[in-house]
Amino acid sequence: MKALSALQPAAKPHITGRRAMPRVRLCIPAQVLLLQGLQNCQLDDLSQTGASVTLAARMPEPGAGVVLKAKGLDIFGTVVWSEGARFGIAFEEPLPLHDVVNVRHFADSWAEHEAARQRRLVRGRARLRPFA
């Protein structure tokens, strides 16, 4: 009997709460298209298979379909979790890796741009413009 059980492959444990792909941390402006319309949001992180977003408006329920618009990408997905002002999106189709890398490069340049803008504001060399 021991010989037979040694030949059978071990069952793989079902792992939950793990991400399928590594995510890159971001903090860039984006938009989500919800049933209520297009909403401005912050894209917190991104992977080939999903993203997390912070939204000041009414939160979508898990299971809702959304379109994430960020840096020239329009990505359809489903809300998989919602907590406070943040929610997670699982994409319908995986993003190509080069799209994730391009958004990361944009986030780096955005952070540098925002830091320089803040320095100018502190020094009194920039005027506040209304958000458009």
C-alpha atoms as a PDB file:
ATOM      1  CA  MET A   1       0.000   0.000   0.000  1.00  0.00           C
ATOM      2  CA  LYS A   2       2.790   2.448   0.753  1.00  0.00           C
ATOM      3  CA  ALA A   3       4.224   1.914  -2.712  1.00  0.00           C
ATOM      4  CA  LEU A   4       0.937   2.924  -4.392  1.00  0.00           C
ATOM      5  CA  SER A   5       0.519   6.092  -2.378  1.00  0.00           C
ATOM      6  CA  ALA A   6       4.112   7.082  -3.098  1.00  0.00           C
ATOM      7  CA  LEU A   7       3.398   6.946  -6.852  1.00  0.00           C
ATOM      8  CA  GLN A   8       0.319   9.196  -6.699  1.00  0.00           C
ATOM      9  CA  PRO A   9       0.996  12.904  -7.039  1.00  0.00           C
ATOM     10  CA  ALA A  10       0.311  14.961  -3.955  1.00  0.00           C
ATOM     11  CA  ALA A  11      -2.731  17.177  -4.182  1.00  0.00           C
ATOM     12  CA  LYS A  12      -1.903  20.848  -4.599  1.00  0.00           C
ATOM     13  CA  PRO A  13      -3.290  22.979  -1.785  1.00  0.00           C
ATOM     14  CA  HIS A  14      -5.762  25.676  -2.778  1.00  0.00           C
ATOM     15  CA  ILE A  15      -4.096  28.996  -1.991  1.00  0.00           C
ATOM     16  CA  THR A  16      -6.282  32.037  -1.469  1.00  0.00           C
ATOM     17  CA  GLY A  17      -5.372  35.652  -0.907  1.00  0.00           C
ATOM     18  CA  ARG A  18      -2.343  35.485  -3.184  1.00  0.00           C
ATOM     19  CA  ARG A  19      -1.826  37.645  -6.219  1.00  0.00           C
ATOM     20  CA  ALA A  20      -1.365  35.899  -9.523  1.00  0.00           C
ATOM     21  CA  MET A  21       1.231  38.441 -10.724  1.00  0.00           C
ATOM     22  CA  PRO A  22       3.553  40.886  -8.964  1.00  0.00           C
ATOM     23  CA  ARG A  23       2.274  44.464  -8.793  1.00  0.00           C
ATOM     24  CA  VAL A  24       4.035  47.774  -9.212  1.00  0.00           C
ATOM     25  CA  ARG A  25       3.248  50.504  -6.703  1.00  0.00           C
ATOM     26  CA  LEU A  26       1.909  53.677  -8.259  1.00  0.00           C
ATOM     27  CA  CYS A  27       0.257  56.877  -7.170  1.00  0.00           C
ATOM     28  CA  ILE A  28      -1.003  58.437 -10.390  1.00  0.00           C
ATOM     29  CA  PRO A  29      -4.252  60.006 -11.548  1.00  0.00           C
ATOM     30  CA  ALA A  30      -6.562  57.773 -13.542  1.00  0.00           C
ATOM     31  CA  GLN A  31     -10.260  57.374 -14.264  1.00  0.00           C
ATOM     32  CA  VAL A  32     -12.784  54.589 -13.874  1.00  0.00           C
ATOM     33  CA  LEU A  33     -15.921  54.219 -15.918  1.00  0.00           C
ATOM     34  CA  LEU A  34     -18.741  53.039 -13.646  1.00  0.00           C
ATOM     35  CA  LEU A  35     -22.497  52.854 -14.036  1.00  0.00           C
ATOM     36  CA  GLN A  36     -22.604  56.334 -12.471  1.00  0.00           C
ATOM     37  CA  GLY A  37     -20.294  57.653 -15.198  1.00  0.00           C
ATOM     38  CA  LEU A  38     -16.624  58.506 -15.521  1.00  0.00           C
ATOM     39  CA  GLN A  39     -14.950  59.193 -12.156  1.00  0.00           C
ATOM     40  CA  ASN A  40     -11.491  60.567 -11.356  1.00  0.00           C
ATOM     41  CA  CYS A  41      -9.468  58.253  -9.145  1.00  0.00           C
ATOM     42  CA  GLN A  42      -5.942  57.370  -8.067  1.00  0.00           C
ATOM     43  CA  LEU A  43      -4.297  54.238  -9.427  1.00  0.00           C
ATOM     44  CA  ASP A  44      -2.474  52.737  -6.427  1.00  0.00           C
ATOM     45  CA  ASP A  45      -0.951  49.634  -7.982  1.00  0.00           C
ATOM     46  CA  LEU A  46      -1.039  47.662 -11.217  1.00  0.00           C
ATOM     47  CA  SER A  47      -0.160  44.210 -12.496  1.00  0.00           C
ATOM     48  CA  GLN A  48      -0.868  42.305 -15.675  1.00  0.00           C
ATOM     49  CA  THR A  49      -3.988  40.804 -14.088  1.00  0.00           C
ATOM     50  CA  GLY A  50      -5.404  43.547 -11.863  1.00  0.00           C
ATOM     51  CA  ALA A  51      -5.164  46.865 -10.066  1.00  0.00           C
ATOM     52  CA  SER A  52      -6.187  48.684  -6.918  1.00  0.00           C
ATOM     53  CA  VAL A  53      -7.784  52.103  -7.051  1.00  0.00           C
ATOM     54  CA  THR A  54      -8.734  54.845  -4.578  1.00  0.00           C
ATOM     55  CA  LEU A  55     -11.977  56.627  -5.345  1.00  0.00           C
ATOM     56  CA  ALA A  56     -13.604  59.521  -3.469  1.00  0.00           C
ATOM     57  CA  ALA A  57     -17.025  58.910  -5.034  1.00  0.00           C
ATOM     58  CA  ARG A  58     -19.537  56.135  -4.314  1.00  0.00           C
ATOM     59  CA  MET A  59     -17.800  52.766  -4.351  1.00  0.00           C
ATOM     60  CA  PRO A  60     -18.793  50.044  -6.807  1.00  0.00           C
ATOM     61  CA  GLU A  61     -19.937  46.714  -5.369  1.00  0.00           C
ATOM     62  CA  PRO A  62     -17.887  43.530  -5.884  1.00  0.00           C
ATOM     63  CA  GLY A  63     -18.957  41.937  -9.144  1.00  0.00           C
ATOM     64  CA  ALA A  64     -19.512  45.269 -10.903  1.00  0.00           C
ATOM     65  CA  GLY A  65     -17.906  45.768 -14.299  1.00  0.00           C
ATOM     66  CA  VAL A  66     -15.566  48.763 -14.670  1.00  0.00           C
ATOM     67  CA  VAL A  67     -13.240  50.250 -17.250  1.00  0.00           C
ATOM     68  CA  LEU A  68      -9.931  51.579 -15.880  1.00  0.00           C
ATOM     69  CA  LYS A  69      -8.449  54.414 -17.929  1.00  0.00           C
ATOM     70  CA  ALA A  70      -4.806  55.160 -17.206  1.00  0.00           C
ATOM     71  CA  LYS A  71      -1.971  56.468 -19.384  1.00  0.00           C
ATOM     72  CA  GLY A  72      -3.679  55.644 -22.677  1.00  0.00           C
ATOM     73  CA  LEU A  73      -4.975  52.246 -21.541  1.00  0.00           C
ATOM     74  CA  ASP A  74      -8.646  51.277 -21.395  1.00  0.00           C
ATOM     75  CA  ILE A  75      -8.856  48.050 -19.398  1.00  0.00           C
ATOM     76  CA  PHE A  76     -12.109  46.203 -18.697  1.00  0.00           C
ATOM     77  CA  GLY A  77     -12.360  44.348 -15.415  1.00  0.00           C
ATOM     78  CA  THR A  78     -14.519  43.284 -12.507  1.00  0.00           C
ATOM     79  CA  VAL A  79     -14.466  44.682  -8.982  1.00  0.00           C
ATOM     80  CA  VAL A  80     -13.297  41.844  -6.711  1.00  0.00           C
ATOM     81  CA  TRP A  81     -13.082  43.660  -3.372  1.00  0.00           C
ATOM     82  CA  SER A  82     -14.014  47.005  -1.871  1.00  0.00           C
ATOM     83  CA  GLU A  83     -12.793  48.450   1.433  1.00  0.00           C
ATOM     84  CA  GLY A  84     -13.126  52.047   2.541  1.00  0.00           C
ATOM     85  CA  ALA A  85     -12.196  54.301  -0.370  1.00  0.00           C
ATOM     86  CA  ARG A  86     -10.245  51.556  -2.188  1.00  0.00           C
ATOM     87  CA  PHE A  87     -11.264  48.707  -4.431  1.00  0.00           C
ATOM     88  CA  GLY A  88      -9.555  45.993  -6.445  1.00  0.00           C
ATOM     89  CA  ILE A  89     -10.087  45.141 -10.091  1.00  0.00           C
ATOM     90  CA  ALA A  90      -9.400  41.811 -11.796  1.00  0.00           C
ATOM     91  CA  PHE A  91      -8.861  42.355 -15.514  1.00  0.00           C
ATOM     92  CA  GLU A  92     -10.844  40.384 -18.076  1.00  0.00           C
ATOM     93  CA  GLU A  93      -7.664  39.787 -20.108  1.00  0.00           C
ATOM     94  CA  PRO A  94      -4.068  40.121 -18.894  1.00  0.00           C
ATOM     95  CA  LEU A  95      -2.190  43.268 -19.857  1.00  0.00           C
ATOM     96  CA  PRO A  96       0.995  42.886 -21.879  1.00  0.00           C
ATOM     97  CA  LEU A  97       4.032  43.342 -19.628  1.00  0.00           C
ATOM     98  CA  HIS A  98       5.270  46.306 -21.693  1.00  0.00           C
ATOM     99  CA  ASP A  99       2.044  48.198 -20.853  1.00  0.00           C
ATOM    100  CA  VAL A 100       2.656  47.711 -17.127  1.00  0.00           C
ATOM    101  CA  VAL A 101       6.270  48.857 -17.539  1.00  0.00           C
ATOM    102  CA  ASN A 102       5.182  51.942 -19.525  1.00  0.00           C
ATOM    103  CA  VAL A 103       2.720  52.959 -16.804  1.00  0.00           C
ATOM    104  CA  ARG A 104       5.469  52.485 -14.200  1.00  0.00           C
ATOM    105  CA  HIS A 105       7.804  54.785 -16.168  1.00  0.00           C
ATOM    106  CA  PHE A 106       5.014  57.357 -16.399  1.00  0.00           C
ATOM    107  CA  ALA A 107       4.486  57.099 -12.619  1.00  0.00           C
ATOM    108  CA  ASP A 108       8.178  57.791 -12.008  1.00  0.00           C
ATOM    109  CA  SER A 109       8.122  60.913 -14.180  1.00  0.00           C
ATOM    110  CA  TRP A 110       4.787  61.993 -12.634  1.00  0.00           C
ATOM    111  CA  ALA A 111       6.280  61.748  -9.131  1.00  0.00           C
ATOM    112  CA  GLU A 112       9.269  63.880 -10.173  1.00  0.00           C
ATOM    113  CA  HIS A 113       6.964  66.437 -11.813  1.00  0.00           C
ATOM    114  CA  GLU A 114       4.747  66.660  -8.715  1.00  0.00           C
ATOM    115  CA  ALA A 115       7.750  67.018  -6.379  1.00  0.00           C
ATOM    116  CA  ALA A 116       9.094  69.897  -8.501  1.00  0.00           C
ATOM    117  CA  ARG A 117       5.644  71.535  -8.541  1.00  0.00           C
ATOM    118  CA  GLN A 118       5.433  71.281  -4.755  1.00  0.00           C
ATOM    119  CA  ARG A 119       8.876  72.871  -4.379  1.00  0.00           C
ATOM    120  CA  ARG A 120       7.779  75.783  -6.605  1.00  0.00           C
ATOM    121  CA  LEU A 121       4.596  76.210  -4.558  1.00  0.00           C
ATOM    122  CA  VAL A 122       6.549  76.322  -1.311  1.00  0.00           C
ATOM    123  CA  ARG A 123       8.907  78.909  -2.743  1.00  0.00           C
ATOM    124  CA  GLY A 124       5.947  80.974  -3.971  1.00  0.00           C
ATOM    125  CA  ARG A 125       6.856  80.666  -7.640  1.00  0.00           C
ATOM    126  CA  ALA A 126       3.757  78.899  -8.813  1.00  0.00           C
ATOM    127  CA  ARG A 127       0.109  79.798  -8.793  1.00  0.00           C
ATOM    128  CA  LEU A 128      -2.532  77.302  -7.877  1.00  0.00           C
ATOM    129  CA  ARG A 129      -4.686  76.485 -10.866  1.00  0.00           C
ATOM    130  CA  PRO A 130      -8.159  75.019 -10.534  1.00  0.00           C
ATOM    131  CA  PHE A 131      -8.418  71.325 -11.251  1.00  0.00           C
ATOM    132  CA  ALA A 132      -9.722  70.779 -14.769  1.00  0.00           C
END
